[in-house]
């Protein structure tokens, strides 16, 4: 079960955390890094391989070599690297879709650098991966040992959340989460908890009516199909320890409502998992960290956790016998 790692932005910490992860997981997880080996930290032991089949027996970090041209400079993205960064992601997707690799773990990209250097038109990794998979519906799960949480809307201004939150979108997010918990996390009867949009879940309509008019009808409809769903709940009381023990994943209404609790619980070990894809994709839950790139200070905890989870999810999905989402 070899996991492909797309290199991410060469000017960021992606190459460093990949090298550190390989050193930490050597003998535990078979990895295949896709990128330009000249971007790896000085002294990184690496070995060029022709395909994924050679990765398991490699005695150094296995690299599917892609030449990016100009050298990488820490903290300063090069426009000519952008197309190669995108191609590395696409190569990783090809490897997992063909069965050559069991999962894809993506190192952080810099969306502005990709847009300016190669006309990258997608908001981020998630949307690009969904496109490569055939424009399938997807959702973003943030996971750590203490919490799994899925935002129903992501990366938009807070003022736009009420307009972006729709019954159709919420139902799709809940179905993707439910299916992933069964097929990828091995939970036969998932328990979901759903946050309200407004403080105190609207207080019966006194602080907003989205809970009554939008969220509750969706939850009632899914309960009628047999979903185990609690909510809409007040977001300020659903993330402490005893509350988390009552559900397997939480669905939040917007970005910060989801990410603040998980980053508080496990800032270094959070993992991004894309739900809805026909293959497993994980990623460290942080960015390119240009400010510390090239210093050797990058923390690989999240990358290591992402690779371990990718291996576990791939094994679970393989045992389920079906990679498809309903």
Protein backbone atom coordinates (compact mmCIF):
# COMPACT_ATOMS: atom_id res chain seq x y z
CA UNK A 1 0.00 0.00 0.00
CA UNK A 2 2.11 2.86 -1.32
CA UNK A 3 0.89 6.40 -0.69
CA UNK A 4 1.68 9.05 -3.28
CA UNK A 5 2.74 12.50 -2.03
CA UNK A 6 2.38 15.45 -4.39
CA UNK A 7 5.19 17.91 -3.71
CA UNK A 8 3.14 21.07 -3.18
CA UNK A 9 4.70 24.54 -3.39
CA UNK A 10 8.52 24.11 -3.61
CA UNK A 11 9.14 27.45 -1.90
CA UNK A 12 7.15 26.33 1.15
CA UNK A 13 7.68 23.66 3.77
CA UNK A 14 6.23 20.81 1.68
CA UNK A 15 9.57 19.24 0.68
CA UNK A 16 10.87 19.47 4.26
CA UNK A 17 7.87 17.85 5.91
CA UNK A 18 7.85 15.11 3.26
CA UNK A 19 11.48 14.29 4.04
CA UNK A 20 10.80 14.33 7.78
CA UNK A 21 7.72 12.15 7.35
CA UNK A 22 9.64 9.58 5.35
CA UNK A 23 12.30 9.43 8.05
CA UNK A 24 9.65 8.98 10.74
CA UNK A 25 7.58 6.40 8.84
CA UNK A 26 10.37 4.44 7.18
CA UNK A 27 9.50 0.77 7.45
CA UNK A 28 5.93 1.59 8.52
CA UNK A 29 4.37 3.27 5.46
CA UNK A 30 5.50 2.98 1.86
CA UNK A 31 5.71 6.44 0.28
CA UNK A 32 6.29 7.86 -3.20
CA UNK A 33 7.14 11.56 -3.50
CA UNK A 34 6.31 13.30 -6.80
CA UNK A 35 8.47 16.33 -7.48
CA UNK A 36 11.90 17.76 -8.21
CA UNK A 37 14.45 16.19 -5.84
CA UNK A 38 16.60 19.34 -5.97
CA UNK A 39 13.87 20.96 -3.83
CA UNK A 40 14.34 18.49 -0.97
CA UNK A 41 16.37 19.70 2.02
CA UNK A 42 20.12 19.29 1.68
CA UNK A 43 21.23 15.87 2.82
CA UNK A 44 17.86 14.16 2.25
CA UNK A 45 18.50 10.59 1.11
CA UNK A 46 16.38 10.02 -1.99
CA UNK A 47 16.15 7.43 -4.73
CA UNK A 48 14.71 7.89 -8.22
CA UNK A 49 12.11 5.25 -9.11
CA UNK A 50 10.43 4.53 -12.40
CA UNK A 51 7.03 3.71 -10.94
CA UNK A 52 5.14 3.07 -7.73
CA UNK A 53 6.03 -0.62 -7.73
CA UNK A 54 9.66 0.24 -6.92
CA UNK A 55 8.79 2.42 -3.93
CA UNK A 56 8.26 -0.34 -1.37
CA UNK A 57 11.79 -1.67 -1.76
CA UNK A 58 13.54 1.71 -1.89
CA UNK A 59 16.25 2.34 0.70
CA UNK A 60 15.83 6.13 0.56
CA UNK A 61 12.89 8.46 -0.09
CA UNK A 62 11.43 7.17 -3.38
CA UNK A 63 11.02 10.01 -5.88
CA UNK A 64 9.06 10.05 -9.11
CA UNK A 65 11.29 12.71 -10.62
CA UNK A 66 9.80 15.80 -12.22
CA UNK A 67 12.20 18.54 -13.29
CA UNK A 68 10.81 21.97 -12.43
CA UNK A 69 13.50 24.09 -14.07
CA UNK A 70 14.62 27.09 -11.98
CA UNK A 71 15.89 26.33 -8.46
CA UNK A 72 13.49 26.83 -5.57
CA UNK A 73 14.04 29.73 -3.18
CA UNK A 74 12.54 29.45 0.27
CA UNK A 75 9.56 31.73 0.71
CA UNK A 76 9.59 32.98 -2.91
CA UNK A 77 7.39 31.04 -5.34
CA UNK A 78 8.68 30.94 -8.91
CA UNK A 79 6.06 31.41 -11.67
CA UNK A 80 7.64 28.67 -13.78
CA UNK A 81 7.10 26.14 -11.00
CA UNK A 82 3.33 26.60 -10.94
CA UNK A 83 2.45 24.32 -13.87
CA UNK A 84 4.71 21.60 -12.48
CA UNK A 85 3.06 21.78 -9.05
CA UNK A 86 -0.33 21.29 -10.69
CA UNK A 87 1.02 18.43 -12.83
CA UNK A 88 2.36 16.68 -9.73
CA UNK A 89 -1.13 16.67 -8.24
CA UNK A 90 -2.58 15.29 -11.46
CA UNK A 91 0.12 12.60 -11.54
CA UNK A 92 -0.78 11.58 -8.02
CA UNK A 93 -4.44 11.30 -8.97
CA UNK A 94 -3.52 9.11 -11.94
CA UNK A 95 -1.54 6.81 -9.66
CA UNK A 96 -4.41 6.29 -7.23
CA UNK A 97 -7.07 6.01 -9.91
CA UNK A 98 -5.05 3.33 -11.69
CA UNK A 99 -4.51 1.40 -8.48
CA UNK A 100 -0.75 1.87 -8.54
CA UNK A 101 -0.98 3.74 -5.22
CA UNK A 102 -3.52 3.26 -2.47
CA UNK A 103 -3.98 6.91 -1.49
CA UNK A 104 -2.86 10.45 -2.23
CA UNK A 105 -1.46 12.86 0.35
CA UNK A 106 -1.03 16.41 -0.93
CA UNK A 107 1.54 18.84 0.44
CA UNK A 108 0.40 22.47 0.78
CA UNK A 109 0.05 24.63 -2.32
CA UNK A 110 -0.02 28.41 -2.66
CA UNK A 111 -3.16 29.23 -4.61
CA UNK A 112 -2.10 32.74 -5.58
CA UNK A 113 1.21 31.48 -6.98
CA UNK A 114 -0.60 28.84 -9.05
CA UNK A 115 -3.13 31.34 -10.33
CA UNK A 116 -0.50 33.89 -11.30
CA UNK A 117 1.99 31.38 -12.70
CA UNK A 118 -0.32 28.92 -14.46
CA UNK A 119 -3.83 30.36 -14.50
CA UNK A 120 -5.04 27.92 -11.84
CA UNK A 121 -8.77 28.63 -11.70
CA UNK A 122 -9.78 26.49 -8.73
CA UNK A 123 -10.27 27.78 -5.17
CA UNK A 124 -7.94 25.09 -3.87
CA UNK A 125 -6.89 21.45 -3.81
CA UNK A 126 -10.35 20.13 -2.97
CA UNK A 127 -12.08 21.61 -6.00
CA UNK A 128 -9.26 20.62 -8.36
CA UNK A 129 -9.33 17.03 -7.14
CA UNK A 130 -13.11 16.93 -7.54
CA UNK A 131 -12.63 18.14 -11.13
CA UNK A 132 -10.01 15.49 -11.89
CA UNK A 133 -12.35 12.85 -10.47
CA UNK A 134 -15.14 13.86 -12.85
CA UNK A 135 -16.62 16.89 -11.08
CA UNK A 136 -18.00 14.78 -8.23
CA UNK A 137 -19.57 16.41 -5.15
CA UNK A 138 -17.08 16.66 -2.29
CA UNK A 139 -16.80 17.90 1.27
CA UNK A 140 -13.86 18.80 3.48
CA UNK A 141 -13.41 16.94 6.74
CA UNK A 142 -10.93 18.06 9.38
CA UNK A 143 -9.90 15.18 11.60
CA UNK A 144 -7.77 14.43 14.63
CA UNK A 145 -7.95 11.83 17.38
CA UNK A 146 -10.39 13.98 19.38
CA UNK A 147 -12.73 15.25 16.66
CA UNK A 148 -14.00 14.91 13.10
CA UNK A 149 -15.76 17.99 11.76
CA UNK A 150 -17.11 18.93 8.32
CA UNK A 151 -18.02 22.53 7.39
CA UNK A 152 -21.10 22.87 5.18
CA UNK A 153 -19.66 26.06 3.64
CA UNK A 154 -15.97 26.89 3.35
CA UNK A 155 -13.59 29.74 2.52
CA UNK A 156 -16.17 32.49 2.05
CA UNK A 157 -16.74 35.72 3.97
CA UNK A 158 -18.90 35.31 7.04
CA UNK A 159 -21.39 37.78 5.59
CA UNK A 160 -22.02 35.40 2.68
CA UNK A 161 -22.65 32.27 4.74
CA UNK A 162 -26.44 32.66 5.16
CA UNK A 163 -26.90 33.01 1.40
CA UNK A 164 -24.51 30.15 0.61
CA UNK A 165 -26.11 27.76 3.08
CA UNK A 166 -28.83 25.82 1.23
CA UNK A 167 -30.93 22.80 2.06
CA UNK A 168 -29.53 20.95 -0.94
CA UNK A 169 -25.93 21.73 0.00
CA UNK A 170 -26.42 20.79 3.65
CA UNK A 171 -28.07 17.50 2.72
CA UNK A 172 -25.24 16.69 0.32
CA UNK A 173 -22.65 17.40 3.02
CA UNK A 174 -24.47 15.18 5.50
CA UNK A 175 -24.79 12.33 3.02
CA UNK A 176 -21.11 12.53 2.06
CA UNK A 177 -20.12 12.53 5.73
CA UNK A 178 -22.40 9.60 6.56
CA UNK A 179 -21.11 7.52 3.65
CA UNK A 180 -17.45 8.29 4.45
CA UNK A 181 -17.85 7.28 8.08
CA UNK A 182 -19.19 3.90 6.96
CA UNK A 183 -16.91 3.13 4.00
CA UNK A 184 -13.67 4.82 5.01
CA UNK A 185 -13.75 4.99 8.80
CA UNK A 186 -15.45 1.62 9.29
CA UNK A 187 -18.37 2.86 11.40
CA UNK A 188 -21.48 0.85 10.49
CA UNK A 189 -23.95 3.18 12.25
CA UNK A 190 -22.51 6.72 12.24
CA UNK A 191 -23.75 9.31 14.71
CA UNK A 192 -23.81 12.87 13.39
CA UNK A 193 -24.16 16.13 15.30
CA UNK A 194 -25.17 19.26 13.40
CA UNK A 195 -24.52 22.80 14.60
CA UNK A 196 -26.95 25.63 14.19
CA UNK A 197 -26.00 28.71 12.23
CA UNK A 198 -26.96 31.28 14.85
CA UNK A 199 -25.89 31.63 18.49
CA UNK A 200 -27.75 29.15 20.71
CA UNK A 201 -29.08 27.51 17.53
CA UNK A 202 -31.40 30.46 17.02
CA UNK A 203 -33.16 30.29 20.41
CA UNK A 204 -36.42 29.13 18.88
CA UNK A 205 -36.35 31.79 16.20
CA UNK A 206 -35.53 34.76 18.42
CA UNK A 207 -31.93 34.92 17.10
CA UNK A 208 -32.54 33.77 13.54
CA UNK A 209 -34.83 31.38 11.70
CA UNK A 210 -32.34 29.35 9.63
CA UNK A 211 -32.45 26.53 12.16
CA UNK A 212 -36.25 26.30 11.91
CA UNK A 213 -36.73 26.95 8.21
CA UNK A 214 -33.61 25.37 6.64
CA UNK A 215 -31.57 23.12 8.92
CA UNK A 216 -34.23 21.24 10.90
CA UNK A 217 -36.25 20.12 7.83
CA UNK A 218 -33.12 18.60 6.26
CA UNK A 219 -32.28 16.75 9.47
CA UNK A 220 -35.86 15.49 9.85
CA UNK A 221 -35.86 14.20 6.28
CA UNK A 222 -32.63 12.28 6.80
CA UNK A 223 -33.79 10.93 10.15
CA UNK A 224 -36.74 9.51 8.23
CA UNK A 225 -34.23 7.54 6.16
CA UNK A 226 -32.59 6.15 9.29
CA UNK A 227 -29.76 8.64 9.85
CA UNK A 228 -28.73 9.11 13.48
CA UNK A 229 -28.52 12.90 13.68
CA UNK A 230 -28.58 15.29 16.63
CA UNK A 231 -29.32 18.95 16.05
CA UNK A 232 -29.42 21.69 15.24
CA UNK A 233 -27.27 22.22 18.30
CA UNK A 234 -25.79 25.29 19.89
CA UNK A 235 -22.21 25.37 18.60
CA UNK A 236 -20.82 26.70 21.86
CA UNK A 237 -21.77 23.53 23.78
CA UNK A 238 -21.10 20.72 21.29
CA UNK A 239 -17.30 20.51 21.28
CA UNK A 240 -16.37 19.79 24.90
CA UNK A 241 -15.34 16.25 25.84
CA UNK A 242 -18.66 14.74 27.02
CA UNK A 243 -20.49 16.24 24.03
CA UNK A 244 -17.97 14.86 21.53
CA UNK A 245 -18.41 11.39 23.03
CA UNK A 246 -21.99 11.38 21.74
CA UNK A 247 -21.18 11.65 18.03
CA UNK A 248 -18.73 10.35 15.42
CA UNK A 249 -18.57 13.53 13.33
CA UNK A 250 -19.89 17.06 13.61
CA UNK A 251 -21.19 19.14 10.72
CA UNK A 252 -20.70 22.89 11.15
CA UNK A 253 -22.26 25.67 9.14
CA UNK A 254 -19.14 27.68 8.29
CA UNK A 255 -15.35 27.61 8.26
CA UNK A 256 -14.43 29.03 11.66
CA UNK A 257 -17.23 27.22 13.46
CA UNK A 258 -15.55 23.98 12.33
CA UNK A 259 -11.87 24.87 12.42
CA UNK A 260 -11.59 26.72 15.72
CA UNK A 261 -12.49 23.66 17.84
CA UNK A 262 -10.25 21.23 15.98
CA UNK A 263 -7.28 23.59 15.93
CA UNK A 264 -7.77 24.21 19.64
CA UNK A 265 -7.91 20.49 20.40
CA UNK A 266 -4.95 19.48 18.21
CA UNK A 267 -3.24 22.35 16.42
CA UNK A 268 -0.30 20.30 15.12
CA UNK A 269 -2.01 17.01 14.34
CA UNK A 270 -5.09 18.03 12.36
CA UNK A 271 -5.68 16.39 9.00
CA UNK A 272 -7.70 17.45 5.95
CA UNK A 273 -9.65 14.59 4.33
CA UNK A 274 -11.62 15.06 1.11
CA UNK A 275 -14.93 13.21 1.25
CA UNK A 276 -16.71 12.14 -1.93
CA UNK A 277 -13.72 11.28 -4.11
CA UNK A 278 -13.40 7.82 -5.69
CA UNK A 279 -9.97 7.60 -4.04
CA UNK A 280 -8.47 8.48 -0.66
CA UNK A 281 -6.96 11.94 -0.28
CA UNK A 282 -5.54 13.45 2.88
CA UNK A 283 -3.42 16.51 3.55
CA UNK A 284 -1.76 18.23 6.49
CA UNK A 285 -4.03 20.89 7.91
CA UNK A 286 -1.72 23.86 7.37
CA UNK A 287 -0.33 26.02 4.62
CA UNK A 288 3.01 26.61 2.94
CA UNK A 289 4.49 28.51 5.94
CA UNK A 290 6.76 30.70 3.81
CA UNK A 291 8.00 32.45 6.95
CA UNK A 292 9.85 29.33 8.18
CA UNK A 293 10.56 27.61 4.86
CA UNK A 294 14.20 26.64 4.51
CA UNK A 295 14.94 27.02 8.23
CA UNK A 296 14.51 23.37 9.19
CA UNK A 297 11.90 24.35 11.79
CA UNK A 298 8.84 22.91 10.03
CA UNK A 299 6.74 20.56 12.16
CA UNK A 300 5.88 17.38 10.24
CA UNK A 301 3.35 16.13 12.81
CA UNK A 302 0.33 16.86 10.61
CA UNK A 303 1.96 15.34 7.52
CA UNK A 304 2.85 12.18 9.44
CA UNK A 305 -0.70 11.95 10.78
CA UNK A 306 -2.12 12.53 7.30
CA UNK A 307 -0.05 9.70 5.85
CA UNK A 308 -0.99 7.30 8.63
CA UNK A 309 -4.66 8.14 8.24
CA UNK A 310 -4.42 7.74 4.45
CA UNK A 311 -3.09 4.23 4.94
CA UNK A 312 -5.87 3.38 7.41
CA UNK A 313 -8.65 4.79 5.24
CA UNK A 314 -7.36 3.03 2.14
CA UNK A 315 -7.30 -0.28 3.98
CA UNK A 316 -10.82 0.25 5.35
CA UNK A 317 -12.24 1.25 1.98
CA UNK A 318 -10.56 -1.74 0.40
CA UNK A 319 -12.26 -4.06 2.89
CA UNK A 320 -15.64 -2.40 2.26
CA UNK A 321 -15.48 -3.62 -1.34
CA UNK A 322 -16.82 -0.41 -2.91
CA UNK A 323 -15.05 2.91 -3.46
CA UNK A 324 -18.20 4.62 -4.71
CA UNK A 325 -20.23 7.23 -2.91
CA UNK A 326 -24.02 7.04 -2.90
